[in-house]
C-alpha cells in the first residue's frame, strides 16, 4: 500500500524552520541525510519502509524545505537540536543516518534519551584525522564561487572520490567538476541541484571534524545500534564501522556485497537497506 506524503515543519531551538516529509503508518523512524543531497535522495528507501513504519525524512538546514542558511557559529549540537525538534514533533524514537548524517545521528543517540534504536550507514571517522587543510581550501573555493573545484575537493577531502578523479591534475578535475554541475543543473525534478547544495557542504565537514578523534565516546550509547556498510565503499569507511562495532556495547554490523557509499540513496541499493532496517526496527 502506497501512503500519501505530507510536508510539515517544526521550529528548532534557535527558531529555524526545519521541514520534513511524513509517510506511512506504524512506529516512527527519522531518516537523516548526508552531504550533497536533500530529502528526495531517500525517496525509494522511505517508500519501502512506509509499509511498516511512519517514515519521517528530515530536511537538514540550509537546503530544500529548511532553506535558512547556516550561521558562522554552527556546530554539531545545532544539528542535534534540529533532529530533536523533529523527533519531539513526531514522537519518533528510531533513527537512521547516512554519512555525515550518521555522525549526527550517533551524536543524537549519545546525547538524547529519546533515541531508542539507531541504525547508521558508513559514518566517516578517520583514524589518521580528517584533512583540515582540505576543509579550509574547500571553504575558500565556495566563498569565491569556484563550485567546480569545490565539488571535486569535497569528494577528495571526504575520501570518497573515485581514484581517477583523485589522481587527476587539478585543472582537469576542476573542469570535470564544472561539467558535472552544468549537466546536473539541467536535470528536472524536485531535488536540489548540486550547485545549490555545495555551500552547505562545509558545515557537514565541520560536524564531522568536530567529532574527529572522538570515536571512543560512542561507548556510552546504550540503545541497540545497527551498523551498515558496503563492500564497494572506501576502506576507511569500512574500518570505521568495524571500530564502532567494537566500541558500542549493543551493536551489530551488516555489510552489503557490492554496495557503495550511496547505498541508501535511490541510485544505490535502497531495497537491500530497507530490508535490513525493517528487520532491525520491527518490534
Protein backbone atom coordinates (compact mmCIF):
# COMPACT_ATOMS: atom_id res chain seq x y z
CA UNK A 1 0.00 0.00 0.00
CA UNK A 2 1.41 3.39 -1.01
CA UNK A 3 0.84 6.11 1.58
CA UNK A 4 0.46 9.80 0.83
CA UNK A 5 3.38 12.08 1.65
CA UNK A 6 2.68 15.03 3.93
CA UNK A 7 5.01 18.02 4.21
CA UNK A 8 5.41 19.51 7.68
CA UNK A 9 7.66 21.98 9.50
CA UNK A 10 8.83 22.39 13.08
CA UNK A 11 10.82 25.15 14.78
CA UNK A 12 14.23 24.16 16.10
CA UNK A 13 15.58 25.62 19.34
CA UNK A 14 17.06 28.69 17.59
CA UNK A 15 13.81 29.32 15.69
CA UNK A 16 14.94 27.81 12.37
CA UNK A 17 12.10 26.15 10.48
CA UNK A 18 13.01 22.52 9.77
CA UNK A 19 10.95 20.78 7.10
CA UNK A 20 10.24 17.08 6.89
CA UNK A 21 8.23 14.60 4.85
CA UNK A 22 5.92 12.17 6.64
CA UNK A 23 4.50 8.99 5.11
CA UNK A 24 3.36 5.53 6.14
CA UNK A 25 1.94 4.14 9.37
CA UNK A 26 3.46 2.45 12.40
CA UNK A 27 6.42 3.20 14.68
CA UNK A 28 8.24 6.38 13.72
CA UNK A 29 11.65 6.37 12.05
CA UNK A 30 13.54 9.58 11.23
CA UNK A 31 15.89 9.45 8.23
CA UNK A 32 18.86 11.83 8.44
CA UNK A 33 20.51 12.88 5.18
CA UNK A 34 24.21 13.13 4.43
CA UNK A 35 26.01 15.79 2.39
CA UNK A 36 25.26 16.95 -1.18
CA UNK A 37 21.67 15.70 -1.23
CA UNK A 38 18.25 16.59 0.13
CA UNK A 39 15.28 14.51 1.27
CA UNK A 40 14.48 13.37 -2.26
CA UNK A 41 17.55 11.11 -2.37
CA UNK A 42 15.73 8.94 0.21
CA UNK A 43 12.56 8.65 -1.88
CA UNK A 44 12.81 4.92 -2.59
CA UNK A 45 14.06 4.00 0.87
CA UNK A 46 11.26 5.95 2.55
CA UNK A 47 8.66 4.36 0.29
CA UNK A 48 9.93 0.85 1.04
CA UNK A 49 9.87 1.48 4.80
CA UNK A 50 6.47 3.20 4.80
CA UNK A 51 4.64 -0.14 4.51
CA UNK A 52 5.64 -0.91 8.11
CA UNK A 53 6.62 2.41 9.69
CA UNK A 54 5.79 6.08 9.83
CA UNK A 55 8.78 7.44 7.94
CA UNK A 56 9.98 10.96 8.73
CA UNK A 57 12.51 12.22 6.18
CA UNK A 58 14.15 15.22 7.81
CA UNK A 59 15.47 18.08 5.69
CA UNK A 60 18.80 19.30 7.03
CA UNK A 61 19.02 23.07 7.44
CA UNK A 62 20.43 25.07 4.56
CA UNK A 63 18.67 23.05 1.88
CA UNK A 64 15.28 22.37 0.29
CA UNK A 65 12.46 22.65 2.82
CA UNK A 66 14.79 24.09 5.50
CA UNK A 67 16.33 26.94 3.49
CA UNK A 68 17.58 29.18 6.30
CA UNK A 69 21.36 29.25 5.77
CA UNK A 70 23.91 28.03 8.27
CA UNK A 71 25.47 30.60 10.58
CA UNK A 72 29.20 31.01 11.11
CA UNK A 73 28.97 29.63 14.65
CA UNK A 74 27.24 26.40 13.58
CA UNK A 75 28.19 23.24 15.49
CA UNK A 76 27.01 19.63 15.51
CA UNK A 77 24.98 20.46 18.64
CA UNK A 78 22.75 22.63 16.42
CA UNK A 79 22.24 19.68 14.06
CA UNK A 80 21.21 17.54 17.03
CA UNK A 81 18.78 20.26 18.16
CA UNK A 82 17.17 20.21 14.71
CA UNK A 83 16.82 16.44 14.91
CA UNK A 84 15.47 16.62 18.46
CA UNK A 85 12.79 19.07 17.31
CA UNK A 86 11.66 16.69 14.56
CA UNK A 87 11.62 13.70 16.92
CA UNK A 88 9.66 15.66 19.54
CA UNK A 89 7.09 16.83 16.99
CA UNK A 90 6.56 13.37 15.52
CA UNK A 91 7.06 11.14 18.55
CA UNK A 92 9.61 9.07 16.61
CA UNK A 93 12.22 7.21 18.68
CA UNK A 94 14.13 5.43 15.90
CA UNK A 95 16.90 6.99 13.79
CA UNK A 96 18.71 6.17 10.59
CA UNK A 97 21.58 8.30 9.28
CA UNK A 98 23.91 8.20 6.27
CA UNK A 99 27.49 9.53 6.16
CA UNK A 100 27.67 12.93 7.89
CA UNK A 101 24.02 12.36 8.81
CA UNK A 102 25.16 9.16 10.51
CA UNK A 103 27.67 11.16 12.58
CA UNK A 104 24.84 13.48 13.64
CA UNK A 105 22.57 10.51 14.42
CA UNK A 106 25.31 8.92 16.54
CA UNK A 107 25.73 12.18 18.44
CA UNK A 108 21.95 12.33 18.97
CA UNK A 109 21.94 8.77 20.34
CA UNK A 110 24.84 9.70 22.63
CA UNK A 111 23.18 12.85 24.00
CA UNK A 112 19.39 12.43 23.67
CA UNK A 113 17.47 9.99 25.86
CA UNK A 114 14.56 9.83 23.38
CA UNK A 115 16.59 7.75 20.85
CA UNK A 116 15.62 4.10 21.45
CA UNK A 117 17.11 2.48 18.34
CA UNK A 118 19.75 3.68 15.90
CA UNK A 119 20.97 2.49 12.50
CA UNK A 120 23.79 4.19 10.61
CA UNK A 121 25.37 3.70 7.20
CA UNK A 122 29.10 4.46 6.94
CA UNK A 123 29.74 7.42 9.25
CA UNK A 124 33.07 8.98 8.22
CA UNK A 125 35.60 8.60 11.02
CA UNK A 126 39.27 8.89 10.10
CA UNK A 127 41.94 7.02 12.05
CA UNK A 128 44.60 9.45 10.80
CA UNK A 129 42.38 12.53 11.16
CA UNK A 130 40.33 14.47 8.65
CA UNK A 131 42.10 16.75 6.15
CA UNK A 132 41.82 20.14 7.88
CA UNK A 133 43.78 21.94 5.14
CA UNK A 134 41.43 20.47 2.58
CA UNK A 135 38.40 21.72 4.52
CA UNK A 136 39.85 25.25 4.59
CA UNK A 137 40.60 25.08 0.85
CA UNK A 138 37.04 23.90 0.19
CA UNK A 139 35.63 26.80 2.20
CA UNK A 140 37.70 29.30 0.22
CA UNK A 141 36.54 27.82 -3.09
CA UNK A 142 32.90 28.07 -2.02
CA UNK A 143 33.34 31.69 -0.90
CA UNK A 144 34.90 32.53 -4.28
CA UNK A 145 32.12 30.78 -6.20
CA UNK A 146 34.52 28.16 -7.61
CA UNK A 147 31.92 25.42 -7.43
CA UNK A 148 33.52 23.05 -9.93
CA UNK A 149 36.67 22.96 -7.81
CA UNK A 150 34.59 22.74 -4.62
CA UNK A 151 32.68 19.71 -5.89
CA UNK A 152 35.88 17.81 -6.61
CA UNK A 153 37.57 18.90 -3.38
CA UNK A 154 34.52 17.86 -1.36
CA UNK A 155 34.93 14.32 -2.70
CA UNK A 156 38.71 14.32 -2.27
CA UNK A 157 38.63 15.67 1.29
CA UNK A 158 35.88 13.22 2.23
CA UNK A 159 37.95 10.35 0.84
CA UNK A 160 35.14 9.20 -1.46
CA UNK A 161 36.48 10.49 -4.81
CA UNK A 162 36.99 7.80 -7.46
CA UNK A 163 40.69 7.04 -7.91
CA UNK A 164 40.73 8.52 -11.43
CA UNK A 165 39.48 11.88 -10.12
CA UNK A 166 41.65 11.87 -7.01
CA UNK A 167 44.80 11.34 -9.11
CA UNK A 168 43.91 13.69 -11.97
CA UNK A 169 45.71 17.03 -12.34
CA UNK A 170 43.76 19.72 -10.54
CA UNK A 171 42.89 21.70 -13.69
CA UNK A 172 41.43 18.54 -15.24
CA UNK A 173 39.46 17.67 -12.09
CA UNK A 174 38.09 21.19 -11.81
CA UNK A 175 36.96 21.17 -15.45
CA UNK A 176 35.25 17.85 -14.81
CA UNK A 177 33.55 19.32 -11.74
CA UNK A 178 32.22 22.25 -13.77
CA UNK A 179 30.93 19.83 -16.40
CA UNK A 180 29.13 17.69 -13.83
CA UNK A 181 27.46 20.74 -12.30
CA UNK A 182 26.38 22.01 -15.73
CA UNK A 183 24.83 18.68 -16.71
CA UNK A 184 23.19 18.10 -13.32
CA UNK A 185 21.66 21.59 -13.26
CA UNK A 186 19.65 20.74 -16.39
CA UNK A 187 18.03 17.70 -14.81
CA UNK A 188 14.39 18.14 -13.89
CA UNK A 189 12.73 17.07 -10.68
CA UNK A 190 12.12 18.22 -7.12
CA UNK A 191 15.65 17.55 -5.84
CA UNK A 192 18.00 20.45 -5.14
CA UNK A 193 20.87 20.93 -7.56
CA UNK A 194 24.43 20.18 -6.51
CA UNK A 195 25.26 23.85 -7.07
CA UNK A 196 22.60 24.83 -4.53
CA UNK A 197 23.77 22.20 -2.05
CA UNK A 198 27.51 22.83 -2.23
CA UNK A 199 27.61 25.94 0.03
CA UNK A 200 26.33 23.84 2.93
CA UNK A 201 28.87 21.05 2.47
CA UNK A 202 31.47 22.88 4.56
CA UNK A 203 29.13 22.56 7.55
CA UNK A 204 28.86 18.80 7.02
CA UNK A 205 32.65 18.72 7.17
CA UNK A 206 32.57 20.93 10.26
CA UNK A 207 30.25 18.46 12.03
CA UNK A 208 32.46 15.51 11.06
CA UNK A 209 35.64 17.37 12.05
CA UNK A 210 34.12 18.26 15.42
CA UNK A 211 33.74 14.56 16.23
CA UNK A 212 37.07 13.63 14.63
CA UNK A 213 39.22 11.76 17.13
CA UNK A 214 36.28 11.11 19.48
CA UNK A 215 35.04 7.76 18.19
CA UNK A 216 35.61 6.17 21.60
CA UNK A 217 32.90 8.46 23.07
CA UNK A 218 30.29 6.25 21.45
CA UNK A 219 30.91 3.59 24.08
CA UNK A 220 28.31 5.49 26.13
CA UNK A 221 25.48 4.78 23.64
CA UNK A 222 23.12 2.45 25.49
CA UNK A 223 20.49 1.72 22.82
CA UNK A 224 20.64 -1.05 20.20
CA UNK A 225 22.64 0.03 17.14
CA UNK A 226 22.74 -1.42 13.62
CA UNK A 227 25.93 -0.60 11.71
CA UNK A 228 25.71 -0.86 7.92
CA UNK A 229 28.37 -0.69 5.21
CA UNK A 230 29.05 -1.80 1.63
CA UNK A 231 31.97 -3.76 0.19
CA UNK A 232 32.40 -1.23 -2.66
CA UNK A 233 32.96 1.70 -0.28
CA UNK A 234 36.38 3.20 0.55
CA UNK A 235 38.41 1.16 3.03
CA UNK A 236 38.44 3.87 5.71
CA UNK A 237 34.63 3.81 5.96
CA UNK A 238 34.60 0.04 6.41
CA UNK A 239 37.33 0.35 9.02
CA UNK A 240 35.31 2.97 10.91
CA UNK A 241 32.27 0.69 11.00
CA UNK A 242 34.34 -2.17 12.41
CA UNK A 243 35.82 0.19 15.00
CA UNK A 244 32.32 1.28 16.06
CA UNK A 245 31.22 -2.35 16.28
CA UNK A 246 33.92 -2.91 18.88
CA UNK A 247 33.17 0.32 20.77
CA UNK A 248 29.35 0.44 21.02
CA UNK A 249 28.12 -2.11 23.60
CA UNK A 250 24.89 -3.22 21.87
CA UNK A 251 25.86 -3.09 18.19
CA UNK A 252 25.86 -5.47 15.27
CA UNK A 253 27.34 -4.99 11.81
CA UNK A 254 25.83 -5.92 8.44
CA UNK A 255 27.86 -5.48 5.24
CA UNK A 256 26.25 -5.47 1.78
CA UNK A 257 28.12 -7.05 -1.10
CA UNK A 258 28.63 -4.62 -3.98
CA UNK A 259 27.10 -1.53 -2.40
CA UNK A 260 28.99 1.75 -2.18
CA UNK A 261 28.65 4.86 -0.05
CA UNK A 262 25.41 5.80 -1.83
CA UNK A 263 23.75 2.51 -0.82
CA UNK A 264 20.68 4.05 0.88
CA UNK A 265 20.04 6.53 -1.94
CA UNK A 266 17.77 5.97 -4.95
CA UNK A 267 20.86 5.27 -7.09
CA UNK A 268 22.34 2.79 -4.60
CA UNK A 269 20.65 -0.22 -3.03
CA UNK A 270 17.62 1.05 -1.07
CA UNK A 271 15.77 -2.27 -1.32
CA UNK A 272 18.60 -4.10 0.47
CA UNK A 273 18.99 -1.35 3.06
CA UNK A 274 15.25 -1.19 3.74
CA UNK A 275 15.08 -4.96 4.32
CA UNK A 276 17.83 -4.72 6.95
CA UNK A 277 16.18 -1.72 8.60
CA UNK A 278 12.78 -3.43 8.71
CA UNK A 279 14.30 -6.47 10.40
CA UNK A 280 16.14 -4.32 12.93
CA UNK A 281 13.38 -1.81 13.75
CA UNK A 282 10.46 -4.26 13.84
CA UNK A 283 9.41 -4.87 17.47
